[in-house]
């Protein structure tokens, strides 16, 4: 799936018969200077409750690099600096604190 406005292409990989077990690969057009874990884009996973997932991760020492301010999307990084996108399954949630006013931290 190409997104001309965002200048990226999404490719979804999965095992036949495993509905929902896909890996999203992102190709960002024109990038020439990726460093660390963003050199191939990122992984994305759908979660049942983005706020609960981010809270559980934060409670266990994971930095929420891009908080789910919109109730839909957040980013964290793996220990080896791979960007991981978390997406709310289904409809986005209503904005809620502390996430709605939380700033980005580091790179995502």
C-alpha atoms as a PDB file:
ATOM      1  CA  UNK A   1       0.000   0.000   0.000  1.00  0.00           C
ATOM      2  CA  UNK A   2       1.535   3.287  -1.053  1.00  0.00           C
ATOM      3  CA  UNK A   3       0.859   6.589   0.706  1.00  0.00           C
ATOM      4  CA  UNK A   4       1.990   9.463  -1.502  1.00  0.00           C
ATOM      5  CA  UNK A   5       1.120  12.151   1.057  1.00  0.00           C
ATOM      6  CA  UNK A   6       3.140  10.463   3.823  1.00  0.00           C
ATOM      7  CA  UNK A   7       5.823   9.332   1.355  1.00  0.00           C
ATOM      8  CA  UNK A   8       5.901   5.712   2.502  1.00  0.00           C
ATOM      9  CA  UNK A   9       4.980   2.220   1.345  1.00  0.00           C
ATOM     10  CA  UNK A  10       3.562  -0.460   3.642  1.00  0.00           C
ATOM     11  CA  UNK A  11       4.091  -4.150   2.954  1.00  0.00           C
ATOM     12  CA  UNK A  12       2.246  -6.752   5.014  1.00  0.00           C
ATOM     13  CA  UNK A  13       3.772 -10.209   5.464  1.00  0.00           C
ATOM     14  CA  UNK A  14       1.984 -13.150   7.036  1.00  0.00           C
ATOM     15  CA  UNK A  15       1.496 -16.875   7.046  1.00  0.00           C
ATOM     16  CA  UNK A  16      -1.390 -18.151   4.890  1.00  0.00           C
ATOM     17  CA  UNK A  17      -4.320 -19.064   7.105  1.00  0.00           C
ATOM     18  CA  UNK A  18      -3.048 -17.045  10.092  1.00  0.00           C
ATOM     19  CA  UNK A  19      -5.448 -14.121  10.022  1.00  0.00           C
ATOM     20  CA  UNK A  20      -4.106 -11.159  11.966  1.00  0.00           C
ATOM     21  CA  UNK A  21      -0.589 -12.574  12.314  1.00  0.00           C
ATOM     22  CA  UNK A  22       0.935 -10.108   9.899  1.00  0.00           C
ATOM     23  CA  UNK A  23       4.161  -8.139  10.128  1.00  0.00           C
ATOM     24  CA  UNK A  24       4.043  -4.626   8.651  1.00  0.00           C
ATOM     25  CA  UNK A  25       7.209  -3.469   6.904  1.00  0.00           C
ATOM     26  CA  UNK A  26       7.486   0.249   6.191  1.00  0.00           C
ATOM     27  CA  UNK A  27       9.588   1.758   3.423  1.00  0.00           C
ATOM     28  CA  UNK A  28      10.009   5.522   3.845  1.00  0.00           C
ATOM     29  CA  UNK A  29      10.683   7.176   0.502  1.00  0.00           C
ATOM     30  CA  UNK A  30      13.828   9.234   0.044  1.00  0.00           C
ATOM     31  CA  UNK A  31      15.418   8.488   3.420  1.00  0.00           C
ATOM     32  CA  UNK A  32      19.192   8.582   3.233  1.00  0.00           C
ATOM     33  CA  UNK A  33      20.373   8.851   6.775  1.00  0.00           C
ATOM     34  CA  UNK A  34      18.755   6.278   9.002  1.00  0.00           C
ATOM     35  CA  UNK A  35      20.728   5.502  12.103  1.00  0.00           C
ATOM     36  CA  UNK A  36      20.286   2.654  14.534  1.00  0.00           C
ATOM     37  CA  UNK A  37      17.009   0.765  14.561  1.00  0.00           C
ATOM     38  CA  UNK A  38      15.086   2.895  12.059  1.00  0.00           C
ATOM     39  CA  UNK A  39      17.172   1.736   9.106  1.00  0.00           C
ATOM     40  CA  UNK A  40      14.384  -0.508   7.799  1.00  0.00           C
ATOM     41  CA  UNK A  41      11.324   1.280   9.117  1.00  0.00           C
ATOM     42  CA  UNK A  42       9.612  -0.385  12.060  1.00  0.00           C
ATOM     43  CA  UNK A  43       7.434  -3.269  13.245  1.00  0.00           C
ATOM     44  CA  UNK A  44       3.786  -2.632  14.101  1.00  0.00           C
ATOM     45  CA  UNK A  45       1.456  -4.619  16.350  1.00  0.00           C
ATOM     46  CA  UNK A  46      -2.236  -4.228  17.085  1.00  0.00           C
ATOM     47  CA  UNK A  47      -3.158  -4.326  20.756  1.00  0.00           C
ATOM     48  CA  UNK A  48      -6.543  -4.727  22.446  1.00  0.00           C
ATOM     49  CA  UNK A  49      -6.094  -1.679  24.709  1.00  0.00           C
ATOM     50  CA  UNK A  50      -3.339   0.784  23.810  1.00  0.00           C
ATOM     51  CA  UNK A  51      -3.538   2.615  27.139  1.00  0.00           C
ATOM     52  CA  UNK A  52      -3.298  -0.585  29.194  1.00  0.00           C
ATOM     53  CA  UNK A  53      -0.451  -1.880  27.018  1.00  0.00           C
ATOM     54  CA  UNK A  54       1.545   1.343  27.301  1.00  0.00           C
ATOM     55  CA  UNK A  55       0.968   1.492  31.064  1.00  0.00           C
ATOM     56  CA  UNK A  56       2.114  -2.117  31.499  1.00  0.00           C
ATOM     57  CA  UNK A  57       5.219  -1.449  29.417  1.00  0.00           C
ATOM     58  CA  UNK A  58       6.007   1.783  31.300  1.00  0.00           C
ATOM     59  CA  UNK A  59       5.495   0.025  34.652  1.00  0.00           C
ATOM     60  CA  UNK A  60       8.133  -2.479  33.525  1.00  0.00           C
ATOM     61  CA  UNK A  61      10.710   0.151  32.586  1.00  0.00           C
ATOM     62  CA  UNK A  62       9.968   0.606  28.875  1.00  0.00           C
ATOM     63  CA  UNK A  63      10.154   4.210  27.646  1.00  0.00           C
ATOM     64  CA  UNK A  64       7.070   5.249  25.671  1.00  0.00           C
ATOM     65  CA  UNK A  65       8.842   7.272  22.980  1.00  0.00           C
ATOM     66  CA  UNK A  66       5.671   8.460  21.258  1.00  0.00           C
ATOM     67  CA  UNK A  67       2.717   8.277  23.677  1.00  0.00           C
ATOM     68  CA  UNK A  68      -0.768   7.321  22.425  1.00  0.00           C
ATOM     69  CA  UNK A  69      -2.063  10.904  22.620  1.00  0.00           C
ATOM     70  CA  UNK A  70      -4.598  10.172  19.881  1.00  0.00           C
ATOM     71  CA  UNK A  71      -5.844   6.923  21.452  1.00  0.00           C
ATOM     72  CA  UNK A  72      -4.629   5.074  18.371  1.00  0.00           C
ATOM     73  CA  UNK A  73      -0.840   4.901  18.004  1.00  0.00           C
ATOM     74  CA  UNK A  74       2.269   4.750  20.184  1.00  0.00           C
ATOM     75  CA  UNK A  75       5.939   3.938  19.624  1.00  0.00           C
ATOM     76  CA  UNK A  76       8.469   2.189  21.840  1.00  0.00           C
ATOM     77  CA  UNK A  77      11.922   0.799  21.068  1.00  0.00           C
ATOM     78  CA  UNK A  78      13.299  -2.669  21.570  1.00  0.00           C
ATOM     79  CA  UNK A  79      16.529  -3.081  23.579  1.00  0.00           C
ATOM     80  CA  UNK A  80      18.458  -3.029  20.285  1.00  0.00           C
ATOM     81  CA  UNK A  81      16.724   0.210  19.169  1.00  0.00           C
ATOM     82  CA  UNK A  82      14.209  -1.215  16.706  1.00  0.00           C
ATOM     83  CA  UNK A  83      11.141   1.048  16.553  1.00  0.00           C
ATOM     84  CA  UNK A  84       7.915  -0.764  17.426  1.00  0.00           C
ATOM     85  CA  UNK A  85       4.557   0.811  16.660  1.00  0.00           C
ATOM     86  CA  UNK A  86       1.577  -0.110  18.809  1.00  0.00           C
ATOM     87  CA  UNK A  87      -1.835   0.346  17.193  1.00  0.00           C
ATOM     88  CA  UNK A  88      -5.211   0.268  18.919  1.00  0.00           C
ATOM     89  CA  UNK A  89      -7.274  -2.587  17.516  1.00  0.00           C
ATOM     90  CA  UNK A  90     -10.586  -1.368  16.100  1.00  0.00           C
ATOM     91  CA  UNK A  91     -11.740   2.165  16.792  1.00  0.00           C
ATOM     92  CA  UNK A  92      -9.336   4.632  18.387  1.00  0.00           C
ATOM     93  CA  UNK A  93      -9.908   5.380  22.048  1.00  0.00           C
ATOM     94  CA  UNK A  94     -10.873   8.822  23.308  1.00  0.00           C
ATOM     95  CA  UNK A  95      -7.812  10.877  24.350  1.00  0.00           C
ATOM     96  CA  UNK A  96      -7.013  10.300  28.023  1.00  0.00           C
ATOM     97  CA  UNK A  97      -4.454  11.447  30.552  1.00  0.00           C
ATOM     98  CA  UNK A  98      -1.635  11.059  31.256  1.00  0.00           C
ATOM     99  CA  UNK A  99      -1.126  10.157  27.595  1.00  0.00           C
ATOM    100  CA  UNK A 100      -2.933  13.096  25.965  1.00  0.00           C
ATOM    101  CA  UNK A 101      -0.448  15.692  27.268  1.00  0.00           C
ATOM    102  CA  UNK A 102       2.680  13.515  27.443  1.00  0.00           C
ATOM    103  CA  UNK A 103       5.535  14.708  25.194  1.00  0.00           C
ATOM    104  CA  UNK A 104       7.624  12.516  22.930  1.00  0.00           C
ATOM    105  CA  UNK A 105      10.784  11.085  24.490  1.00  0.00           C
ATOM    106  CA  UNK A 106      13.902  10.486  22.417  1.00  0.00           C
ATOM    107  CA  UNK A 107      13.574   9.037  18.925  1.00  0.00           C
ATOM    108  CA  UNK A 108      10.845   6.775  17.724  1.00  0.00           C
END
